Amino acid sequence: MADTPDITGFDFAPGRISGDDYQTIAAEREDLVKKQLATGHEFMYQHYARLLREVEKSYERATKANIVLERKQRREESKKRREQLKAQAAHR
């Protein structure tokens, strides 16, 4: 068990992604696609294909999590705006 890394303090839930995390995963995926298309050898082409299959799993999760994050932010902004409008209406 000494080889097990200490992961306390980390939250690996897919709903806990930041916009920067999403951008990083998207950029890494795009970089692998470019590398795959630029390679001149079948072995390396297949190597990048295998990497892309795995990265695309994370990309899919990150995309879904990013959508959830955007919805949450939009709901919070909408709630604040509604409260502002209610406060304005109360002052009239």
N, C-alpha and C. Protein backbone atom coordinates (compact mmCIF):
# COMPACT_ATOMS: atom_id res chain seq x y z
N MET A 1 0.80 -1.19 0.00
CA MET A 1 0.00 0.00 0.00
C MET A 1 0.85 1.26 0.00
N ALA A 2 2.13 1.13 0.21
CA ALA A 2 3.00 2.30 0.23
C ALA A 2 3.10 2.93 -1.15
N ASP A 3 2.81 2.14 -2.20
CA ASP A 3 2.87 2.66 -3.57
C ASP A 3 1.63 3.46 -3.94
N THR A 4 0.58 3.38 -3.12
CA THR A 4 -0.67 4.08 -3.41
C THR A 4 -0.49 5.56 -3.15
N PRO A 5 -0.75 6.40 -4.16
CA PRO A 5 -0.60 7.83 -3.95
C PRO A 5 -1.69 8.38 -3.03
N ASP A 6 -1.35 9.40 -2.29
CA ASP A 6 -2.31 10.05 -1.40
C ASP A 6 -3.16 10.99 -2.24
N ILE A 7 -4.44 10.68 -2.35
CA ILE A 7 -5.32 11.51 -3.19
C ILE A 7 -6.32 12.27 -2.34
N THR A 8 -6.11 12.33 -1.06
CA THR A 8 -7.05 13.06 -0.22
C THR A 8 -7.02 14.53 -0.61
N GLY A 9 -8.17 15.12 -0.58
CA GLY A 9 -8.27 16.52 -0.94
C GLY A 9 -8.65 16.75 -2.39
N PHE A 10 -8.63 15.71 -3.18
CA PHE A 10 -8.99 15.85 -4.59
C PHE A 10 -10.42 15.37 -4.81
N ASP A 11 -11.16 16.09 -5.61
CA ASP A 11 -12.53 15.71 -5.92
C ASP A 11 -12.58 15.33 -7.40
N PHE A 12 -12.74 14.04 -7.67
CA PHE A 12 -12.70 13.55 -9.04
C PHE A 12 -14.08 13.48 -9.68
N ALA A 13 -15.08 14.06 -9.06
CA ALA A 13 -16.43 14.04 -9.61
C ALA A 13 -16.45 14.81 -10.93
N PRO A 14 -17.10 14.25 -11.95
CA PRO A 14 -17.12 14.92 -13.25
C PRO A 14 -17.82 16.27 -13.23
N GLY A 15 -18.65 16.52 -12.24
CA GLY A 15 -19.32 17.80 -12.14
C GLY A 15 -18.45 18.90 -11.55
N ARG A 16 -17.24 18.56 -11.20
CA ARG A 16 -16.32 19.51 -10.56
C ARG A 16 -15.22 19.92 -11.53
N ILE A 17 -15.58 20.44 -12.65
CA ILE A 17 -14.61 20.83 -13.66
C ILE A 17 -14.65 22.35 -13.80
N SER A 18 -13.51 22.92 -14.09
CA SER A 18 -13.49 24.36 -14.32
C SER A 18 -13.43 24.60 -15.83
N GLY A 19 -13.68 25.80 -16.23
CA GLY A 19 -13.58 26.15 -17.64
C GLY A 19 -12.17 25.94 -18.16
N ASP A 20 -11.18 26.21 -17.31
CA ASP A 20 -9.78 26.01 -17.71
C ASP A 20 -9.48 24.53 -17.93
N ASP A 21 -10.05 23.67 -17.09
CA ASP A 21 -9.85 22.23 -17.27
C ASP A 21 -10.39 21.78 -18.62
N TYR A 22 -11.58 22.26 -18.94
CA TYR A 22 -12.19 21.91 -20.22
C TYR A 22 -11.32 22.38 -21.38
N GLN A 23 -10.82 23.62 -21.31
CA GLN A 23 -9.97 24.15 -22.37
C GLN A 23 -8.69 23.34 -22.52
N THR A 24 -8.12 22.90 -21.42
CA THR A 24 -6.90 22.09 -21.45
C THR A 24 -7.15 20.76 -22.16
N ILE A 25 -8.23 20.09 -21.79
CA ILE A 25 -8.54 18.80 -22.40
C ILE A 25 -8.83 18.97 -23.88
N ALA A 26 -9.57 20.01 -24.25
CA ALA A 26 -9.88 20.26 -25.67
C ALA A 26 -8.61 20.55 -26.46
N ALA A 27 -7.70 21.33 -25.88
CA ALA A 27 -6.44 21.65 -26.57
C ALA A 27 -5.57 20.41 -26.74
N GLU A 28 -5.51 19.56 -25.72
CA GLU A 28 -4.73 18.33 -25.82
C GLU A 28 -5.30 17.42 -26.90
N ARG A 29 -6.61 17.33 -26.95
CA ARG A 29 -7.25 16.50 -27.98
C ARG A 29 -6.93 17.04 -29.37
N GLU A 30 -7.05 18.34 -29.53
CA GLU A 30 -6.76 18.96 -30.83
C GLU A 30 -5.30 18.73 -31.23
N ASP A 31 -4.39 18.82 -30.27
CA ASP A 31 -2.97 18.59 -30.54
C ASP A 31 -2.73 17.16 -31.02
N LEU A 32 -3.40 16.19 -30.38
CA LEU A 32 -3.23 14.79 -30.81
C LEU A 32 -3.78 14.56 -32.21
N VAL A 33 -4.89 15.20 -32.53
CA VAL A 33 -5.46 15.08 -33.88
C VAL A 33 -4.47 15.61 -34.90
N LYS A 34 -3.86 16.76 -34.62
CA LYS A 34 -2.88 17.34 -35.54
C LYS A 34 -1.68 16.43 -35.69
N LYS A 35 -1.20 15.87 -34.59
CA LYS A 35 -0.05 14.96 -34.65
C LYS A 35 -0.38 13.72 -35.46
N GLN A 36 -1.58 13.20 -35.27
CA GLN A 36 -1.98 12.00 -36.01
C GLN A 36 -2.00 12.28 -37.51
N LEU A 37 -2.56 13.41 -37.90
CA LEU A 37 -2.66 13.73 -39.32
C LEU A 37 -1.32 14.09 -39.93
N ALA A 38 -0.37 14.54 -39.10
CA ALA A 38 0.94 14.95 -39.60
C ALA A 38 1.94 13.79 -39.69
N THR A 39 1.64 12.67 -39.06
CA THR A 39 2.61 11.58 -39.03
C THR A 39 2.75 10.93 -40.41
N GLY A 40 3.91 10.38 -40.64
CA GLY A 40 4.18 9.73 -41.92
C GLY A 40 4.31 8.22 -41.82
N HIS A 41 4.04 7.67 -40.64
CA HIS A 41 4.20 6.23 -40.44
C HIS A 41 2.91 5.64 -39.89
N GLU A 42 2.58 4.46 -40.35
CA GLU A 42 1.36 3.79 -39.92
C GLU A 42 1.39 3.49 -38.42
N PHE A 43 2.56 3.09 -37.91
CA PHE A 43 2.66 2.78 -36.48
C PHE A 43 2.29 4.01 -35.64
N MET A 44 2.85 5.15 -35.98
CA MET A 44 2.57 6.37 -35.21
C MET A 44 1.12 6.82 -35.41
N TYR A 45 0.59 6.62 -36.62
CA TYR A 45 -0.81 6.96 -36.87
C TYR A 45 -1.71 6.16 -35.93
N GLN A 46 -1.45 4.86 -35.81
CA GLN A 46 -2.23 4.00 -34.93
C GLN A 46 -1.99 4.35 -33.46
N HIS A 47 -0.76 4.73 -33.14
CA HIS A 47 -0.43 5.15 -31.78
C HIS A 47 -1.30 6.34 -31.38
N TYR A 48 -1.37 7.34 -32.25
CA TYR A 48 -2.19 8.51 -31.96
C TYR A 48 -3.68 8.17 -31.95
N ALA A 49 -4.07 7.22 -32.77
CA ALA A 49 -5.48 6.79 -32.77
C ALA A 49 -5.84 6.18 -31.42
N ARG A 50 -4.95 5.37 -30.86
CA ARG A 50 -5.21 4.76 -29.55
C ARG A 50 -5.27 5.84 -28.47
N LEU A 51 -4.34 6.77 -28.52
CA LEU A 51 -4.35 7.86 -27.54
C LEU A 51 -5.63 8.69 -27.65
N LEU A 52 -6.03 8.96 -28.87
CA LEU A 52 -7.24 9.76 -29.09
C LEU A 52 -8.49 9.06 -28.55
N ARG A 53 -8.56 7.75 -28.71
CA ARG A 53 -9.72 7.02 -28.19
C ARG A 53 -9.84 7.24 -26.67
N GLU A 54 -8.72 7.20 -25.98
CA GLU A 54 -8.75 7.40 -24.53
C GLU A 54 -9.00 8.86 -24.17
N VAL A 55 -8.37 9.77 -24.88
CA VAL A 55 -8.55 11.19 -24.60
C VAL A 55 -9.99 11.61 -24.88
N GLU A 56 -10.59 11.02 -25.90
CA GLU A 56 -11.96 11.37 -26.24
C GLU A 56 -12.95 10.98 -25.15
N LYS A 57 -12.62 9.96 -24.36
CA LYS A 57 -13.47 9.61 -23.22
C LYS A 57 -13.47 10.77 -22.22
N SER A 58 -12.29 11.29 -21.92
CA SER A 58 -12.19 12.43 -21.01
C SER A 58 -12.81 13.67 -21.63
N TYR A 59 -12.61 13.84 -22.93
CA TYR A 59 -13.17 15.00 -23.62
C TYR A 59 -14.70 14.98 -23.54
N GLU A 60 -15.28 13.81 -23.73
CA GLU A 60 -16.73 13.68 -23.65
C GLU A 60 -17.23 14.02 -22.25
N ARG A 61 -16.55 13.48 -21.24
CA ARG A 61 -16.93 13.77 -19.86
C ARG A 61 -16.76 15.26 -19.56
N ALA A 62 -15.65 15.82 -20.02
CA ALA A 62 -15.39 17.24 -19.77
C ALA A 62 -16.41 18.12 -20.48
N THR A 63 -16.81 17.74 -21.68
CA THR A 63 -17.81 18.51 -22.42
C THR A 63 -19.14 18.51 -21.67
N LYS A 64 -19.56 17.34 -21.22
CA LYS A 64 -20.81 17.24 -20.46
C LYS A 64 -20.72 18.03 -19.16
N ALA A 65 -19.60 17.91 -18.47
CA ALA A 65 -19.41 18.63 -17.21
C ALA A 65 -19.37 20.14 -17.45
N ASN A 66 -18.77 20.55 -18.57
CA ASN A 66 -18.71 21.98 -18.89
C ASN A 66 -20.10 22.53 -19.18
N ILE A 67 -20.93 21.74 -19.83
CA ILE A 67 -22.31 22.17 -20.09
C ILE A 67 -23.04 22.36 -18.77
N VAL A 68 -22.85 21.43 -17.85
CA VAL A 68 -23.48 21.54 -16.53
C VAL A 68 -22.98 22.80 -15.82
N LEU A 69 -21.67 23.05 -15.90
CA LEU A 69 -21.09 24.24 -15.28
C LEU A 69 -21.67 25.51 -15.89
N GLU A 70 -21.78 25.56 -17.20
CA GLU A 70 -22.34 26.73 -17.87
C GLU A 70 -23.80 26.96 -17.47
N ARG A 71 -24.57 25.88 -17.37
CA ARG A 71 -25.97 26.00 -16.95
C ARG A 71 -26.06 26.55 -15.53
N LYS A 72 -25.21 26.04 -14.66
CA LYS A 72 -25.21 26.49 -13.27
C LYS A 72 -24.89 27.98 -13.19
N GLN A 73 -23.87 28.41 -13.93
CA GLN A 73 -23.50 29.82 -13.93
C GLN A 73 -24.63 30.69 -14.50
N ARG A 74 -25.26 30.20 -15.55
CA ARG A 74 -26.36 30.94 -16.17
C ARG A 74 -27.54 31.07 -15.21
N ARG A 75 -27.85 29.99 -14.47
CA ARG A 75 -28.93 30.04 -13.49
C ARG A 75 -28.62 31.04 -12.38
N GLU A 76 -27.36 31.05 -11.92
CA GLU A 76 -26.97 32.00 -10.87
C GLU A 76 -27.10 33.44 -11.36
N GLU A 77 -26.65 33.70 -12.58
CA GLU A 77 -26.75 35.05 -13.14
C GLU A 77 -28.21 35.44 -13.32
N SER A 78 -29.02 34.50 -13.76
CA SER A 78 -30.44 34.76 -13.96
C SER A 78 -31.12 35.07 -12.63
N LYS A 79 -30.77 34.32 -11.61
CA LYS A 79 -31.35 34.54 -10.28
C LYS A 79 -30.98 35.93 -9.76
N LYS A 80 -29.73 36.33 -9.93
CA LYS A 80 -29.29 37.66 -9.49
C LYS A 80 -30.04 38.75 -10.24
N ARG A 81 -30.20 38.55 -11.53
CA ARG A 81 -30.90 39.55 -12.35
C ARG A 81 -32.37 39.67 -11.93
N ARG A 82 -33.02 38.53 -11.70
CA ARG A 82 -34.42 38.57 -11.25
C ARG A 82 -34.54 39.30 -9.92
N GLU A 83 -33.59 39.06 -9.01
CA GLU A 83 -33.62 39.75 -7.72
C GLU A 83 -33.43 41.26 -7.90
N GLN A 84 -32.57 41.66 -8.83
CA GLN A 84 -32.37 43.09 -9.12
C GLN A 84 -33.65 43.70 -9.66
N LEU A 85 -34.31 43.00 -10.55
CA LEU A 85 -35.56 43.51 -11.13
C LEU A 85 -36.66 43.61 -10.07
N LYS A 86 -36.73 42.63 -9.18
CA LYS A 86 -37.71 42.68 -8.10
C LYS A 86 -37.44 43.87 -7.18
N ALA A 87 -36.16 44.10 -6.89
CA ALA A 87 -35.79 45.21 -6.02
C ALA A 87 -36.15 46.55 -6.67
N GLN A 88 -35.93 46.65 -7.98
CA GLN A 88 -36.28 47.88 -8.71
C GLN A 88 -37.79 48.09 -8.69
N ALA A 89 -38.53 47.02 -8.87
CA ALA A 89 -39.99 47.13 -8.89
C ALA A 89 -40.53 47.50 -7.51
N ALA A 90 -39.86 47.06 -6.45
CA ALA A 90 -40.30 47.36 -5.09
C ALA A 90 -40.08 48.83 -4.74
N HIS A 91 -39.08 49.45 -5.35
CA HIS A 91 -38.77 50.85 -5.07
C HIS A 91 -39.70 51.81 -5.81
N ARG A 92 -40.48 51.36 -6.71
CA ARG A 92 -41.37 52.23 -7.48
C ARG A 92 -42.68 52.42 -6.83
